Amino acid sequence: MADLKLQSILQQVLIDLSDESNHYFLMANYYEHTSSEKLNERWYLANIYIHKEAISNLLVGQDSIGIDVRLNPGSPQQIDSIKINLDQIYRIRKNKTGGIFSDEDDIYVEVSKLNLPTFTKEG
């Protein structure tokens, strides 16, 4: 079943991106790369900063979002295309200052979606 509240918030994020005073922090269980050199590579514990100057091409679909984002602070020119399934997003925060986000900044929380991966030790 579609999460209509999340869909609505993501649509508002799209609108709000035109105002550089809006800063968002999106938390999801993982994201997947959609760039050809890293296609389908999955990164867990996704924490994505969303701001007018930090991302581009935010596309909100029925089941996922696509976004071009700077993931490497050491290489700000490097843009990675990623996809995040909506059922993996468990928190979104918004503030007007950027920097540190707090619980008071929560605009979407669905802790039941939080699913930390289990890693096994090899060898």
PDB file of N, CA and C in Angstrom:
ATOM      1  N   MET A   1       0.834  -1.175   0.000  1.00  0.00           N
ATOM      2  CA  MET A   1       0.000   0.000   0.000  1.00  0.00           C
ATOM      3  C   MET A   1       0.886   1.249   0.000  1.00  0.00           C
ATOM      4  N   ALA A   2       0.526   2.226  -0.773  1.00  0.00           N
ATOM      5  CA  ALA A   2       1.306   3.452  -0.897  1.00  0.00           C
ATOM      6  C   ALA A   2       1.252   4.259   0.395  1.00  0.00           C
ATOM      7  N   ASP A   3       2.374   4.839   0.742  1.00  0.00           N
ATOM      8  CA  ASP A   3       2.465   5.714   1.905  1.00  0.00           C
ATOM      9  C   ASP A   3       2.145   7.126   1.426  1.00  0.00           C
ATOM     10  N   LEU A   4       0.882   7.512   1.527  1.00  0.00           N
ATOM     11  CA  LEU A   4       0.430   8.796   0.996  1.00  0.00           C
ATOM     12  C   LEU A   4       1.056   9.978   1.722  1.00  0.00           C
ATOM     13  N   LYS A   5       1.299   9.832   3.019  1.00  0.00           N
ATOM     14  CA  LYS A   5       1.946  10.913   3.765  1.00  0.00           C
ATOM     15  C   LYS A   5       3.358  11.142   3.227  1.00  0.00           C
ATOM     16  N   LEU A   6       4.108  10.076   3.018  1.00  0.00           N
ATOM     17  CA  LEU A   6       5.465  10.201   2.484  1.00  0.00           C
ATOM     18  C   LEU A   6       5.443  10.794   1.084  1.00  0.00           C
ATOM     19  N   GLN A   7       4.532  10.326   0.242  1.00  0.00           N
ATOM     20  CA  GLN A   7       4.403  10.879  -1.115  1.00  0.00           C
ATOM     21  C   GLN A   7       4.141  12.382  -1.059  1.00  0.00           C
ATOM     22  N   SER A   8       3.262  12.802  -0.182  1.00  0.00           N
ATOM     23  CA  SER A   8       2.925  14.217  -0.041  1.00  0.00           C
ATOM     24  C   SER A   8       4.134  15.034   0.420  1.00  0.00           C
ATOM     25  N   ILE A   9       4.864  14.521   1.392  1.00  0.00           N
ATOM     26  CA  ILE A   9       6.055  15.221   1.890  1.00  0.00           C
ATOM     27  C   ILE A   9       7.101  15.335   0.791  1.00  0.00           C
ATOM     28  N   LEU A  10       7.316  14.269   0.035  1.00  0.00           N
ATOM     29  CA  LEU A  10       8.312  14.313  -1.042  1.00  0.00           C
ATOM     30  C   LEU A  10       7.909  15.292  -2.141  1.00  0.00           C
ATOM     31  N   GLN A  11       6.627  15.388  -2.422  1.00  0.00           N
ATOM     32  CA  GLN A  11       6.161  16.382  -3.397  1.00  0.00           C
ATOM     33  C   GLN A  11       6.427  17.797  -2.878  1.00  0.00           C
ATOM     34  N   GLN A  12       6.254  18.001  -1.569  1.00  0.00           N
ATOM     35  CA  GLN A  12       6.538  19.311  -0.982  1.00  0.00           C
ATOM     36  C   GLN A  12       8.035  19.614  -1.019  1.00  0.00           C
ATOM     37  N   VAL A  13       8.864  18.604  -0.808  1.00  0.00           N
ATOM     38  CA  VAL A  13      10.319  18.789  -0.920  1.00  0.00           C
ATOM     39  C   VAL A  13      10.665  19.305  -2.311  1.00  0.00           C
ATOM     40  N   LEU A  14      10.066  18.708  -3.342  1.00  0.00           N
ATOM     41  CA  LEU A  14      10.305  19.168  -4.720  1.00  0.00           C
ATOM     42  C   LEU A  14       9.996  20.654  -4.869  1.00  0.00           C
ATOM     43  N   ILE A  15       8.882  21.072  -4.322  1.00  0.00           N
ATOM     44  CA  ILE A  15       8.479  22.478  -4.402  1.00  0.00           C
ATOM     45  C   ILE A  15       9.444  23.356  -3.603  1.00  0.00           C
ATOM     46  N   ASP A  16       9.792  22.902  -2.398  1.00  0.00           N
ATOM     47  CA  ASP A  16      10.622  23.694  -1.489  1.00  0.00           C
ATOM     48  C   ASP A  16      12.069  23.849  -1.943  1.00  0.00           C
ATOM     49  N   LEU A  17      12.533  22.997  -2.837  1.00  0.00           N
ATOM     50  CA  LEU A  17      13.930  23.076  -3.265  1.00  0.00           C
ATOM     51  C   LEU A  17      14.275  24.392  -3.945  1.00  0.00           C
ATOM     52  N   SER A  18      13.289  25.091  -4.461  1.00  0.00           N
ATOM     53  CA  SER A  18      13.562  26.380  -5.105  1.00  0.00           C
ATOM     54  C   SER A  18      13.977  27.448  -4.091  1.00  0.00           C
ATOM     55  N   ASP A  19      13.695  27.228  -2.816  1.00  0.00           N
ATOM     56  CA  ASP A  19      14.052  28.166  -1.747  1.00  0.00           C
ATOM     57  C   ASP A  19      15.296  27.636  -1.031  1.00  0.00           C
ATOM     58  N   GLU A  20      16.414  28.350  -1.174  1.00  0.00           N
ATOM     59  CA  GLU A  20      17.668  27.846  -0.611  1.00  0.00           C
ATOM     60  C   GLU A  20      17.712  27.838   0.913  1.00  0.00           C
ATOM     61  N   SER A  21      16.709  28.393   1.579  1.00  0.00           N
ATOM     62  CA  SER A  21      16.682  28.326   3.044  1.00  0.00           C
ATOM     63  C   SER A  21      16.158  26.978   3.544  1.00  0.00           C
ATOM     64  N   ASN A  22      15.659  26.134   2.649  1.00  0.00           N
ATOM     65  CA  ASN A  22      15.139  24.823   3.041  1.00  0.00           C
ATOM     66  C   ASN A  22      16.235  23.766   2.961  1.00  0.00           C
ATOM     67  N   HIS A  23      16.428  23.067   4.076  1.00  0.00           N
ATOM     68  CA  HIS A  23      17.413  21.995   4.167  1.00  0.00           C
ATOM     69  C   HIS A  23      16.689  20.741   4.649  1.00  0.00           C
ATOM     70  N   TYR A  24      16.981  19.618   4.011  1.00  0.00           N
ATOM     71  CA  TYR A  24      16.355  18.350   4.375  1.00  0.00           C
ATOM     72  C   TYR A  24      17.425  17.307   4.654  1.00  0.00           C
ATOM     73  N   PHE A  25      17.081  16.371   5.494  1.00  0.00           N
ATOM     74  CA  PHE A  25      17.940  15.228   5.787  1.00  0.00           C
ATOM     75  C   PHE A  25      17.061  13.994   5.702  1.00  0.00           C
ATOM     76  N   LEU A  26      17.348  13.131   4.752  1.00  0.00           N
ATOM     77  CA  LEU A  26      16.543  11.937   4.499  1.00  0.00           C
ATOM     78  C   LEU A  26      17.308  10.720   4.995  1.00  0.00           C
ATOM     79  N   MET A  27      16.636   9.861   5.737  1.00  0.00           N
ATOM     80  CA  MET A  27      17.249   8.645   6.255  1.00  0.00           C
ATOM     81  C   MET A  27      16.487   7.429   5.733  1.00  0.00           C
ATOM     82  N   ALA A  28      17.259   6.493   5.210  1.00  0.00           N
ATOM     83  CA  ALA A  28      16.673   5.273   4.653  1.00  0.00           C
ATOM     84  C   ALA A  28      17.582   4.097   4.990  1.00  0.00           C
ATOM     85  N   ASN A  29      17.048   2.914   4.861  1.00  0.00           N
ATOM     86  CA  ASN A  29      17.844   1.720   5.129  1.00  0.00           C
ATOM     87  C   ASN A  29      18.998   1.573   4.146  1.00  0.00           C
ATOM     88  N   TYR A  30      18.766   1.937   2.889  1.00  0.00           N
ATOM     89  CA  TYR A  30      19.823   1.859   1.880  1.00  0.00           C
ATOM     90  C   TYR A  30      19.433   2.672   0.657  1.00  0.00           C
ATOM     91  N   TYR A  31      20.423   2.919  -0.188  1.00  0.00           N
ATOM     92  CA  TYR A  31      20.175   3.443  -1.530  1.00  0.00           C
ATOM     93  C   TYR A  31      20.946   2.580  -2.507  1.00  0.00           C
ATOM     94  N   GLU A  32      20.523   2.615  -3.752  1.00  0.00           N
ATOM     95  CA  GLU A  32      21.210   1.884  -4.818  1.00  0.00           C
ATOM     96  C   GLU A  32      21.713   2.870  -5.851  1.00  0.00           C
ATOM     97  N   HIS A  33      22.939   2.632  -6.318  1.00  0.00           N
ATOM     98  CA  HIS A  33      23.480   3.453  -7.397  1.00  0.00           C
ATOM     99  C   HIS A  33      22.783   3.102  -8.703  1.00  0.00           C
ATOM    100  N   THR A  34      22.526   4.119  -9.506  1.00  0.00           N
ATOM    101  CA  THR A  34      21.967   3.890 -10.838  1.00  0.00           C
ATOM    102  C   THR A  34      22.924   4.358 -11.923  1.00  0.00           C
ATOM    103  N   SER A  35      24.086   4.914 -11.525  1.00  0.00           N
ATOM    104  CA  SER A  35      25.121   5.275 -12.495  1.00  0.00           C
ATOM    105  C   SER A  35      25.727   3.994 -13.053  1.00  0.00           C
ATOM    106  N   SER A  36      26.093   4.012 -14.322  1.00  0.00           N
ATOM    107  CA  SER A  36      26.541   2.783 -14.983  1.00  0.00           C
ATOM    108  C   SER A  36      27.760   2.153 -14.320  1.00  0.00           C
ATOM    109  N   GLU A  37      28.717   2.955 -13.843  1.00  0.00           N
ATOM    110  CA  GLU A  37      29.926   2.374 -13.254  1.00  0.00           C
ATOM    111  C   GLU A  37      29.683   1.726 -11.893  1.00  0.00           C
ATOM    112  N   LYS A  38      28.578   2.043 -11.247  1.00  0.00           N
ATOM    113  CA  LYS A  38      28.257   1.468  -9.937  1.00  0.00           C
ATOM    114  C   LYS A  38      26.861   0.850  -9.923  1.00  0.00           C
ATOM    115  N   LEU A  39      26.343   0.515 -11.072  1.00  0.00           N
ATOM    116  CA  LEU A  39      24.960   0.078 -11.215  1.00  0.00           C
ATOM    117  C   LEU A  39      24.579  -0.990 -10.189  1.00  0.00           C
ATOM    118  N   ASN A  40      23.491  -0.735  -9.481  1.00  0.00           N
ATOM    119  CA  ASN A  40      22.899  -1.636  -8.483  1.00  0.00           C
ATOM    120  C   ASN A  40      23.752  -1.853  -7.237  1.00  0.00           C
ATOM    121  N   GLU A  41      24.863  -1.129  -7.099  1.00  0.00           N
ATOM    122  CA  GLU A  41      25.645  -1.207  -5.873  1.00  0.00           C
ATOM    123  C   GLU A  41      24.794  -0.611  -4.752  1.00  0.00           C
ATOM    124  N   ARG A  42      24.688  -1.325  -3.650  1.00  0.00           N
ATOM    125  CA  ARG A  42      23.809  -0.908  -2.553  1.00  0.00           C
ATOM    126  C   ARG A  42      24.640  -0.424  -1.364  1.00  0.00           C
ATOM    127  N   TRP A  43      24.261   0.739  -0.830  1.00  0.00           N
ATOM    128  CA  TRP A  43      24.914   1.304   0.352  1.00  0.00           C
ATOM    129  C   TRP A  43      23.876   1.398   1.465  1.00  0.00           C
ATOM    130  N   TYR A  44      24.237   0.817   2.607  1.00  0.00           N
ATOM    131  CA  TYR A  44      23.303   0.763   3.732  1.00  0.00           C
ATOM    132  C   TYR A  44      23.434   1.978   4.643  1.00  0.00           C
ATOM    133  N   LEU A  45      22.408   2.195   5.446  1.00  0.00           N
ATOM    134  CA  LEU A  45      22.308   3.324   6.367  1.00  0.00           C
ATOM    135  C   LEU A  45      22.462   4.632   5.607  1.00  0.00           C
ATOM    136  N   ALA A  46      21.553   4.842   4.684  1.00  0.00           N
ATOM    137  CA  ALA A  46      21.583   6.015   3.808  1.00  0.00           C
ATOM    138  C   ALA A  46      21.145   7.262   4.560  1.00  0.00           C
ATOM    139  N   ASN A  47      22.025   8.231   4.610  1.00  0.00           N
ATOM    140  CA  ASN A  47      21.731   9.543   5.179  1.00  0.00           C
ATOM    141  C   ASN A  47      22.035  10.558   4.092  1.00  0.00           C
ATOM    142  N   ILE A  48      21.006  11.137   3.511  1.00  0.00           N
ATOM    143  CA  ILE A  48      21.164  11.998   2.343  1.00  0.00           C
ATOM    144  C   ILE A  48      20.739  13.425   2.688  1.00  0.00           C
ATOM    145  N   TYR A  49      21.664  14.354   2.494  1.00  0.00           N
ATOM    146  CA  TYR A  49      21.390  15.779   2.679  1.00  0.00           C
ATOM    147  C   TYR A  49      20.773  16.298   1.387  1.00  0.00           C
ATOM    148  N   ILE A  50      19.620  16.931   1.509  1.00  0.00           N
ATOM    149  CA  ILE A  50      18.905  17.440   0.336  1.00  0.00           C
ATOM    150  C   ILE A  50      18.782  18.952   0.462  1.00  0.00           C
ATOM    151  N   HIS A  51      19.388  19.624  -0.494  1.00  0.00           N
ATOM    152  CA  HIS A  51      19.380  21.088  -0.541  1.00  0.00           C
ATOM    153  C   HIS A  51      19.551  21.503  -1.995  1.00  0.00           C
ATOM    154  N   LYS A  52      19.102  22.687  -2.307  1.00  0.00           N
ATOM    155  CA  LYS A  52      19.160  23.218  -3.671  1.00  0.00           C
ATOM    156  C   LYS A  52      20.554  23.088  -4.283  1.00  0.00           C
ATOM    157  N   GLU A  53      21.605  23.301  -3.487  1.00  0.00           N
ATOM    158  CA  GLU A  53      22.971  23.269  -3.998  1.00  0.00           C
ATOM    159  C   GLU A  53      23.643  21.911  -3.846  1.00  0.00           C
ATOM    160  N   ALA A  54      22.970  20.953  -3.239  1.00  0.00           N
ATOM    161  CA  ALA A  54      23.590  19.656  -2.982  1.00  0.00           C
ATOM    162  C   ALA A  54      23.084  18.544  -3.892  1.00  0.00           C
ATOM    163  N   ILE A  55      21.917  18.735  -4.486  1.00  0.00           N
ATOM    164  CA  ILE A  55      21.328  17.673  -5.308  1.00  0.00           C
ATOM    165  C   ILE A  55      20.777  18.272  -6.593  1.00  0.00           C
ATOM    166  N   SER A  56      20.447  17.386  -7.515  1.00  0.00           N
ATOM    167  CA  SER A  56      19.724  17.801  -8.719  1.00  0.00           C
ATOM    168  C   SER A  56      18.889  16.624  -9.201  1.00  0.00           C
ATOM    169  N   ASN A  57      17.980  16.933 -10.073  1.00  0.00           N
ATOM    170  CA  ASN A  57      17.158  15.903 -10.721  1.00  0.00           C
ATOM    171  C   ASN A  57      16.441  14.987  -9.736  1.00  0.00           C
ATOM    172  N   LEU A  58      15.807  15.561  -8.734  1.00  0.00           N
ATOM    173  CA  LEU A  58      15.004  14.762  -7.808  1.00  0.00           C
ATOM    174  C   LEU A  58      13.712  14.371  -8.508  1.00  0.00           C
ATOM    175  N   LEU A  59      13.527  13.078  -8.659  1.00  0.00           N
ATOM    176  CA  LEU A  59      12.330  12.544  -9.308  1.00  0.00           C
ATOM    177  C   LEU A  59      11.589  11.672  -8.303  1.00  0.00           C
ATOM    178  N   VAL A  60      10.335  11.984  -8.074  1.00  0.00           N
ATOM    179  CA  VAL A  60       9.520  11.215  -7.138  1.00  0.00           C
ATOM    180  C   VAL A  60       8.599  10.315  -7.943  1.00  0.00           C
ATOM    181  N   GLY A  61       8.798   9.011  -7.799  1.00  0.00           N
ATOM    182  CA  GLY A  61       7.954   8.041  -8.480  1.00  0.00           C
ATOM    183  C   GLY A  61       6.984   7.392  -7.505  1.00  0.00           C
ATOM    184  N   GLN A  62       6.233   6.430  -7.996  1.00  0.00           N
ATOM    185  CA  GLN A  62       5.257   5.727  -7.149  1.00  0.00           C
ATOM    186  C   GLN A  62       5.926   4.872  -6.081  1.00  0.00           C
ATOM    187  N   ASP A  63       7.063   4.256  -6.435  1.00  0.00           N
ATOM    188  CA  ASP A  63       7.717   3.319  -5.529  1.00  0.00           C
ATOM    189  C   ASP A  63       9.097   3.751  -5.067  1.00  0.00           C
ATOM    190  N   SER A  64       9.665   4.786  -5.707  1.00  0.00           N
ATOM    191  CA  SER A  64      11.034   5.180  -5.380  1.00  0.00           C
ATOM    192  C   SER A  64      11.279   6.634  -5.762  1.00  0.00           C
ATOM    193  N   ILE A  65      12.401   7.152  -5.266  1.00  0.00           N
ATOM    194  CA  ILE A  65      12.866   8.451  -5.730  1.00  0.00           C
ATOM    195  C   ILE A  65      14.205   8.246  -6.420  1.00  0.00           C
ATOM    196  N   GLY A  66      14.453   9.059  -7.414  1.00  0.00           N
ATOM    197  CA  GLY A  66      15.749   9.104  -8.070  1.00  0.00           C
ATOM    198  C   GLY A  66      16.350  10.465  -7.795  1.00  0.00           C
ATOM    199  N   ILE A  67      17.654  10.502  -7.611  1.00  0.00           N
ATOM    200  CA  ILE A  67      18.297  11.758  -7.238  1.00  0.00           C
ATOM    201  C   ILE A  67      19.756  11.741  -7.678  1.00  0.00           C
ATOM    202  N   ASP A  68      20.229  12.871  -8.157  1.00  0.00           N
ATOM    203  CA  ASP A  68      21.650  13.063  -8.440  1.00  0.00           C
ATOM    204  C   ASP A  68      22.215  13.838  -7.264  1.00  0.00           C
ATOM    205  N   VAL A  69      23.230  13.282  -6.623  1.00  0.00           N
ATOM    206  CA  VAL A  69      23.700  13.822  -5.352  1.00  0.00           C
ATOM    207  C   VAL A  69      25.223  13.754  -5.258  1.00  0.00           C
ATOM    208  N   ARG A  70      25.779  14.666  -4.477  1.00  0.00           N
ATOM    209  CA  ARG A  70      27.212  14.654  -4.189  1.00  0.00           C
ATOM    210  C   ARG A  70      27.415  13.805  -2.932  1.00  0.00           C
ATOM    211  N   LEU A  71      27.992  12.626  -3.095  1.00  0.00           N
ATOM    212  CA  LEU A  71      28.190  11.717  -1.970  1.00  0.00           C
ATOM    213  C   LEU A  71      29.603  11.783  -1.409  1.00  0.00           C
ATOM    214  N   ASN A  72      30.533  12.356  -2.167  1.00  0.00           N
ATOM    215  CA  ASN A  72      31.936  12.374  -1.782  1.00  0.00           C
ATOM    216  C   ASN A  72      32.376  13.800  -1.460  1.00  0.00           C
ATOM    217  N   PRO A  73      32.468  14.158  -0.156  1.00  0.00           N
ATOM    218  CA  PRO A  73      32.845  15.526   0.191  1.00  0.00           C
ATOM    219  C   PRO A  73      34.234  15.910  -0.316  1.00  0.00           C
ATOM    220  N   GLY A  74      35.089  14.933  -0.533  1.00  0.00           N
ATOM    221  CA  GLY A  74      36.428  15.206  -1.042  1.00  0.00           C
ATOM    222  C   GLY A  74      36.461  15.493  -2.525  1.00  0.00           C
ATOM    223  N   SER A  75      35.360  15.246  -3.201  1.00  0.00           N
ATOM    224  CA  SER A  75      35.273  15.466  -4.648  1.00  0.00           C
ATOM    225  C   SER A  75      33.901  16.049  -4.980  1.00  0.00           C
ATOM    226  N   PRO A  76      33.701  17.352  -4.705  1.00  0.00           N
ATOM    227  CA  PRO A  76      32.371  17.945  -4.877  1.00  0.00           C
ATOM    228  C   PRO A  76      31.861  17.958  -6.319  1.00  0.00           C
ATOM    229  N   GLN A  77      32.748  17.770  -7.286  1.00  0.00           N
ATOM    230  CA  GLN A  77      32.302  17.725  -8.677  1.00  0.00           C
ATOM    231  C   GLN A  77      31.718  16.363  -9.047  1.00  0.00           C
ATOM    232  N   GLN A  78      31.992  15.358  -8.241  1.00  0.00           N
ATOM    233  CA  GLN A  78      31.500  14.009  -8.517  1.00  0.00           C
ATOM    234  C   GLN A  78      30.021  13.923  -8.163  1.00  0.00           C
ATOM    235  N   ILE A  79      29.213  13.609  -9.155  1.00  0.00           N
ATOM    236  CA  ILE A  79      27.770  13.461  -8.968  1.00  0.00           C
ATOM    237  C   ILE A  79      27.417  11.988  -9.158  1.00  0.00           C
ATOM    238  N   ASP A  80      26.704  11.433  -8.206  1.00  0.00           N
ATOM    239  CA  ASP A  80      26.245  10.053  -8.299  1.00  0.00           C
ATOM    240  C   ASP A  80      24.732  10.036  -8.430  1.00  0.00           C
ATOM    241  N   SER A  81      24.245   9.175  -9.299  1.00  0.00           N
ATOM    242  CA  SER A  81      22.801   8.965  -9.438  1.00  0.00           C
ATOM    243  C   SER A  81      22.419   7.790  -8.555  1.00  0.00           C
ATOM    244  N   ILE A  82      21.414   8.019  -7.697  1.00  0.00           N
ATOM    245  CA  ILE A  82      20.983   6.964  -6.791  1.00  0.00           C
ATOM    246  C   ILE A  82      19.465   6.829  -6.820  1.00  0.00           C
ATOM    247  N   LYS A  83      19.018   5.683  -6.329  1.00  0.00           N
ATOM    248  CA  LYS A  83      17.586   5.406  -6.199  1.00  0.00           C
ATOM    249  C   LYS A  83      17.337   4.946  -4.769  1.00  0.00           C
ATOM    250  N   ILE A  84      16.244   5.450  -4.192  1.00  0.00           N
ATOM    251  CA  ILE A  84      15.833   5.009  -2.860  1.00  0.00           C
ATOM    252  C   ILE A  84      14.382   4.565  -2.951  1.00  0.00           C
ATOM    253  N   ASN A  85      14.133   3.318  -2.620  1.00  0.00           N
ATOM    254  CA  ASN A  85      12.761   2.823  -2.597  1.00  0.00           C
ATOM    255  C   ASN A  85      12.011   3.486  -1.442  1.00  0.00           C
ATOM    256  N   LEU A  86      10.782   3.890  -1.707  1.00  0.00           N
ATOM    257  CA  LEU A  86      10.005   4.599  -0.692  1.00  0.00           C
ATOM    258  C   LEU A  86       9.783   3.755   0.559  1.00  0.00           C
ATOM    259  N   ASP A  87       9.689   2.455   0.399  1.00  0.00           N
ATOM    260  CA  ASP A  87       9.467   1.611   1.575  1.00  0.00           C
ATOM    261  C   ASP A  87      10.712   1.485   2.454  1.00  0.00           C
ATOM    262  N   GLN A  88      11.831   2.082   2.024  1.00  0.00           N
ATOM    263  CA  GLN A  88      13.061   2.077   2.810  1.00  0.00           C
ATOM    264  C   GLN A  88      13.293   3.390   3.564  1.00  0.00           C
ATOM    265  N   ILE A  89      12.506   4.415   3.254  1.00  0.00           N
ATOM    266  CA  ILE A  89      12.659   5.724   3.905  1.00  0.00           C
ATOM    267  C   ILE A  89      11.916   5.700   5.237  1.00  0.00           C
ATOM    268  N   TYR A  90      12.655   5.956   6.325  1.00  0.00           N
ATOM    269  CA  TYR A  90      12.014   5.916   7.639  1.00  0.00           C
ATOM    270  C   TYR A  90      12.013   7.260   8.365  1.00  0.00           C
ATOM    271  N   ARG A  91      12.753   8.254   7.871  1.00  0.00           N
ATOM    272  CA  ARG A  91      12.741   9.562   8.538  1.00  0.00           C
ATOM    273  C   ARG A  91      13.153  10.646   7.550  1.00  0.00           C
ATOM    274  N   ILE A  92      12.480  11.797   7.653  1.00  0.00           N
ATOM    275  CA  ILE A  92      12.871  12.996   6.917  1.00  0.00           C
ATOM    276  C   ILE A  92      12.825  14.156   7.901  1.00  0.00           C
ATOM    277  N   ARG A  93      13.881  14.948   7.862  1.00  0.00           N
ATOM    278  CA  ARG A  93      13.954  16.130   8.718  1.00  0.00           C
ATOM    279  C   ARG A  93      14.082  17.373   7.852  1.00  0.00           C
ATOM    280  N   LYS A  94      13.575  18.488   8.357  1.00  0.00           N
ATOM    281  CA  LYS A  94      13.650  19.757   7.636  1.00  0.00           C
ATOM    282  C   LYS A  94      13.983  20.866   8.623  1.00  0.00           C
ATOM    283  N   ASN A  95      14.923  21.734   8.210  1.00  0.00           N
ATOM    284  CA  ASN A  95      15.141  22.958   8.973  1.00  0.00           C
ATOM    285  C   ASN A  95      15.550  24.081   8.036  1.00  0.00           C
ATOM    286  N   LYS A  96      15.708  25.262   8.581  1.00  0.00           N
ATOM    287  CA  LYS A  96      16.024  26.451   7.785  1.00  0.00           C
ATOM    288  C   LYS A  96      17.483  26.871   7.915  1.00  0.00           C
ATOM    289  N   THR A  97      18.282  26.095   8.653  1.00  0.00           N
ATOM    290  CA  THR A  97      19.671  26.489   8.879  1.00  0.00           C
ATOM    291  C   THR A  97      20.689  25.511   8.321  1.00  0.00           C
ATOM    292  N   GLY A  98      20.279  24.283   8.016  1.00  0.00           N
ATOM    293  CA  GLY A  98      21.245  23.264   7.612  1.00  0.00           C
ATOM    294  C   GLY A  98      22.029  22.819   8.829  1.00  0.00           C
ATOM    295  N   GLY A  99      23.236  22.341   8.617  1.00  0.00           N
ATOM    296  CA  GLY A  99      24.077  21.931   9.742  1.00  0.00           C
ATOM    297  C   GLY A  99      23.509  20.748  10.479  1.00  0.00           C
ATOM    298  N   ILE A 100      23.333  20.906  11.769  1.00  0.00           N
ATOM    299  CA  ILE A 100      22.878  19.806  12.617  1.00  0.00           C
ATOM    300  C   ILE A 100      21.354  19.761  12.647  1.00  0.00           C
ATOM    301  N   PHE A 101      20.826  18.569  12.373  1.00  0.00           N
ATOM    302  CA  PHE A 101      19.384  18.338  12.438  1.00  0.00           C
ATOM    303  C   PHE A 101      19.074  17.649  13.765  1.00  0.00           C
ATOM    304  N   SER A 102      17.899  17.917  14.319  1.00  0.00           N
ATOM    305  CA  SER A 102      17.516  17.314  15.596  1.00  0.00           C
ATOM    306  C   SER A 102      16.125  16.691  15.481  1.00  0.00           C
ATOM    307  N   ASP A 103      15.707  16.033  16.549  1.00  0.00           N
ATOM    308  CA  ASP A 103      14.388  15.399  16.569  1.00  0.00           C
ATOM    309  C   ASP A 103      13.268  16.406  16.317  1.00  0.00           C
ATOM    310  N   GLU A 104      13.460  17.648  16.737  1.00  0.00           N
ATOM    311  CA  GLU A 104      12.438  18.677  16.528  1.00  0.00           C
ATOM    312  C   GLU A 104      12.233  18.982  15.047  1.00  0.00           C
ATOM    313  N   ASP A 105      13.194  18.605  14.216  1.00  0.00           N
ATOM    314  CA  ASP A 105      13.116  18.863  12.776  1.00  0.00           C
ATOM    315  C   ASP A 105      12.365  17.767  12.016  1.00  0.00           C
ATOM    316  N   ASP A 106      11.929  16.722  12.709  1.00  0.00           N
ATOM    317  CA  ASP A 106      11.252  15.607  12.041  1.00  0.00           C
ATOM    318  C   ASP A 106       9.954  16.063  11.381  1.00  0.00           C
ATOM    319  N   ILE A 107       9.803  15.728  10.102  1.00  0.00           N
ATOM    320  CA  ILE A 107       8.527  15.951   9.418  1.00  0.00           C
ATOM    321  C   ILE A 107       7.925  14.624   8.959  1.00  0.00           C
ATOM    322  N   TYR A 108       8.723  13.566   9.026  1.00  0.00           N
ATOM    323  CA  TYR A 108       8.228  12.228   8.702  1.00  0.00           C
ATOM    324  C   TYR A 108       9.046  11.231   9.509  1.00  0.00           C
ATOM    325  N   VAL A 109       8.365  10.381  10.255  1.00  0.00           N
ATOM    326  CA  VAL A 109       9.029   9.317  11.004  1.00  0.00           C
ATOM    327  C   VAL A 109       8.152   8.078  10.928  1.00  0.00           C
ATOM    328  N   GLU A 110       8.739   7.002  10.481  1.00  0.00           N
ATOM    329  CA  GLU A 110       8.053   5.707  10.452  1.00  0.00           C
ATOM    330  C   GLU A 110       9.079   4.656  10.878  1.00  0.00           C
ATOM    331  N   VAL A 111       9.283   4.564  12.192  1.00  0.00           N
ATOM    332  CA  VAL A 111      10.327   3.712  12.743  1.00  0.00           C
ATOM    333  C   VAL A 111      10.127   2.245  12.364  1.00  0.00           C
ATOM    334  N   SER A 112       8.909   1.845  12.096  1.00  0.00           N
ATOM    335  CA  SER A 112       8.663   0.448  11.718  1.00  0.00           C
ATOM    336  C   SER A 112       9.379   0.080  10.415  1.00  0.00           C
ATOM    337  N   LYS A 113       9.770   1.069   9.623  1.00  0.00           N
ATOM    338  CA  LYS A 113      10.503   0.805   8.377  1.00  0.00           C
ATOM    339  C   LYS A 113      12.001   0.627   8.602  1.00  0.00           C
ATOM    340  N   LEU A 114      12.496   1.055   9.761  1.00  0.00           N
ATOM    341  CA  LEU A 114      13.923   0.933  10.049  1.00  0.00           C
ATOM    342  C   LEU A 114      14.295  -0.536  10.126  1.00  0.00           C
ATOM    343  N   ASN A 115      15.251  -0.929   9.312  1.00  0.00           N
ATOM    344  CA  ASN A 115      15.644  -2.326   9.225  1.00  0.00           C
ATOM    345  C   ASN A 115      17.155  -2.386   9.052  1.00  0.00           C
ATOM    346  N   LEU A 116      17.867  -2.431  10.163  1.00  0.00           N
ATOM    347  CA  LEU A 116      19.322  -2.448  10.093  1.00  0.00           C
ATOM    348  C   LEU A 116      19.806  -3.777   9.535  1.00  0.00           C
ATOM    349  N   PRO A 117      20.791  -3.721   8.633  1.00  0.00           N
ATOM    350  CA  PRO A 117      21.292  -4.963   8.039  1.00  0.00           C
ATOM    351  C   PRO A 117      22.087  -5.773   9.058  1.00  0.00           C
ATOM    352  N   THR A 118      22.086  -7.066   8.870  1.00  0.00           N
ATOM    353  CA  THR A 118      22.885  -7.958   9.690  1.00  0.00           C
ATOM    354  C   THR A 118      24.107  -8.351   8.885  1.00  0.00           C
ATOM    355  N   PHE A 119      25.266  -8.074   9.441  1.00  0.00           N
ATOM    356  CA  PHE A 119      26.507  -8.435   8.765  1.00  0.00           C
ATOM    357  C   PHE A 119      27.134  -9.603   9.507  1.00  0.00           C
ATOM    358  N   THR A 120      27.654 -10.532   8.758  1.00  0.00           N
ATOM    359  CA  THR A 120      28.303 -11.680   9.373  1.00  0.00           C
ATOM    360  C   THR A 120      29.803 -11.568   9.183  1.00  0.00           C
ATOM    361  N   LYS A 121      30.521 -12.040  10.174  1.00  0.00           N
ATOM    362  CA  LYS A 121      31.978 -12.017  10.124  1.00  0.00           C
ATOM    363  C   LYS A 121      32.455 -13.239   9.355  1.00  0.00           C
ATOM    364  N   GLU A 122      33.276 -12.979   8.353  1.00  0.00           N
ATOM    365  CA  GLU A 122      33.806 -14.088   7.554  1.00  0.00           C
ATOM    366  C   GLU A 122      35.121 -14.563   8.145  1.00  0.00           C
ATOM    367  N   GLY A 123      35.378 -15.844   7.949  1.00  0.00           N
ATOM    368  CA  GLY A 123      36.689 -16.376   8.258  1.00  0.00           C
ATOM    369  C   GLY A 123      36.846 -16.846   9.625  1.00  0.00           C
TER     370      GLY A 123
END
